[in-house]
Amino acid sequence: MGMRSVKIAHVKQKLQRSISPKIRRTADVPKGHFAVYVGETQKRFVIPVSYLSHPLFQELLHWTEEEFGFEHPMGGLTIPCREDYFTSITSLLSSS
């Protein structure tokens, strides 16, 4: 019985180590926001979910979907436009 509890504890430790980087990654995204990876360098932006309902952002998403799809290895949304273009759009959205 003692040997089995040692094995279970060891498995739990391994599981925590494999999950913890993912938990930390999503923990830095506040509630009501999501991560977007932009441009050639895949710079990460955290933006409000409310942007999804804005026509300007919807147009950007539509263009992205048609051209490239929405795949990203880290589990986020990839938008392959220039970073300066994306920042100007988000600036407009935040001021409206």
Protein backbone atom coordinates (compact mmCIF):
# COMPACT_ATOMS: atom_id res chain seq x y z
CA MET A 1 0.00 0.00 0.00
CA GLY A 2 2.86 2.38 0.84
CA MET A 3 4.52 1.77 -2.52
CA ARG A 4 1.30 2.57 -4.39
CA SER A 5 0.87 5.95 -2.65
CA VAL A 6 4.47 6.84 -3.53
CA LYS A 7 3.77 6.06 -7.21
CA ILE A 8 0.57 8.12 -7.15
CA ALA A 9 2.40 11.06 -5.58
CA HIS A 10 5.10 10.79 -8.26
CA VAL A 11 2.51 10.75 -11.06
CA LYS A 12 0.74 13.78 -9.54
CA GLN A 13 4.04 15.67 -9.44
CA LYS A 14 4.76 14.89 -13.10
CA LEU A 15 1.26 15.92 -14.10
CA GLN A 16 1.52 19.22 -12.24
CA ARG A 17 4.84 19.99 -13.95
CA SER A 18 3.42 19.29 -17.38
CA ILE A 19 0.27 21.34 -16.78
CA SER A 20 1.68 24.28 -14.84
CA PRO A 21 3.22 26.17 -17.81
CA LYS A 22 -0.16 26.08 -19.55
CA ILE A 23 -1.94 27.28 -16.43
CA ARG A 24 0.47 30.18 -16.02
CA ARG A 25 0.02 31.08 -19.69
CA THR A 26 -3.75 31.40 -19.41
CA ALA A 27 -3.60 32.91 -15.93
CA ASP A 28 -2.00 36.07 -17.31
CA VAL A 29 -5.08 36.72 -19.46
CA PRO A 30 -7.62 38.63 -17.38
CA LYS A 31 -11.25 37.60 -17.40
CA GLY A 32 -13.05 39.14 -20.35
CA HIS A 33 -9.90 39.23 -22.51
CA PHE A 34 -8.12 36.89 -24.93
CA ALA A 35 -4.67 36.51 -26.44
CA VAL A 36 -3.91 37.37 -30.05
CA TYR A 37 -0.62 36.72 -31.85
CA VAL A 38 0.16 39.36 -34.46
CA GLY A 39 2.60 39.77 -37.32
CA GLU A 40 5.68 37.90 -38.44
CA THR A 41 7.16 37.86 -34.93
CA GLN A 42 3.90 36.57 -33.44
CA LYS A 43 3.85 39.36 -30.85
CA ARG A 44 1.28 38.57 -28.18
CA PHE A 45 -1.47 41.07 -27.38
CA VAL A 46 -4.19 40.65 -24.75
CA ILE A 47 -7.34 42.41 -25.85
CA PRO A 48 -10.91 42.70 -24.52
CA VAL A 49 -13.54 40.25 -25.76
CA SER A 50 -15.77 43.25 -26.53
CA TYR A 51 -13.60 43.96 -29.61
CA LEU A 52 -15.08 40.85 -31.22
CA SER A 53 -18.40 42.62 -31.74
CA HIS A 54 -16.91 45.69 -33.45
CA PRO A 55 -17.32 45.71 -37.26
CA LEU A 56 -13.71 46.83 -37.85
CA PHE A 57 -12.32 43.93 -35.82
CA GLN A 58 -14.79 41.51 -37.42
CA GLU A 59 -13.54 42.58 -40.84
CA LEU A 60 -9.95 41.91 -39.75
CA LEU A 61 -10.96 38.45 -38.48
CA HIS A 62 -12.85 37.69 -41.67
CA TRP A 63 -9.83 38.64 -43.79
CA THR A 64 -7.55 36.55 -41.56
CA GLU A 65 -9.82 33.52 -41.79
CA GLU A 66 -10.06 33.72 -45.58
CA GLU A 67 -6.33 34.17 -46.11
CA PHE A 68 -4.74 32.06 -43.39
CA GLY A 69 -7.23 30.27 -41.11
CA PHE A 70 -7.06 30.51 -37.33
CA GLU A 71 -4.43 27.89 -36.38
CA HIS A 72 -1.86 28.68 -33.68
CA PRO A 73 0.36 26.17 -31.87
CA MET A 74 0.04 27.99 -28.54
CA GLY A 75 -3.75 27.91 -28.64
CA GLY A 76 -4.28 31.59 -29.36
CA LEU A 77 -5.63 33.47 -32.32
CA THR A 78 -3.09 34.42 -35.02
CA ILE A 79 -3.60 37.57 -37.06
CA PRO A 80 -0.89 37.89 -39.71
CA CYS A 81 -1.15 41.65 -40.29
CA ARG A 82 1.58 44.16 -39.44
CA GLU A 83 1.88 45.03 -35.75
CA ASP A 84 1.50 48.77 -36.38
CA TYR A 85 -1.74 48.16 -38.30
CA PHE A 86 -3.11 46.00 -35.47
CA THR A 87 -2.13 48.58 -32.83
CA SER A 88 -3.84 51.36 -34.78
CA ILE A 89 -7.04 49.28 -35.01
CA THR A 90 -7.01 48.48 -31.28
CA SER A 91 -6.33 52.15 -30.50
CA LEU A 92 -9.39 53.14 -32.50
CA LEU A 93 -11.48 50.48 -30.75
CA SER A 94 -10.35 51.49 -27.28
CA SER A 95 -11.25 55.13 -27.91
CA SER A 96 -14.75 54.33 -29.19
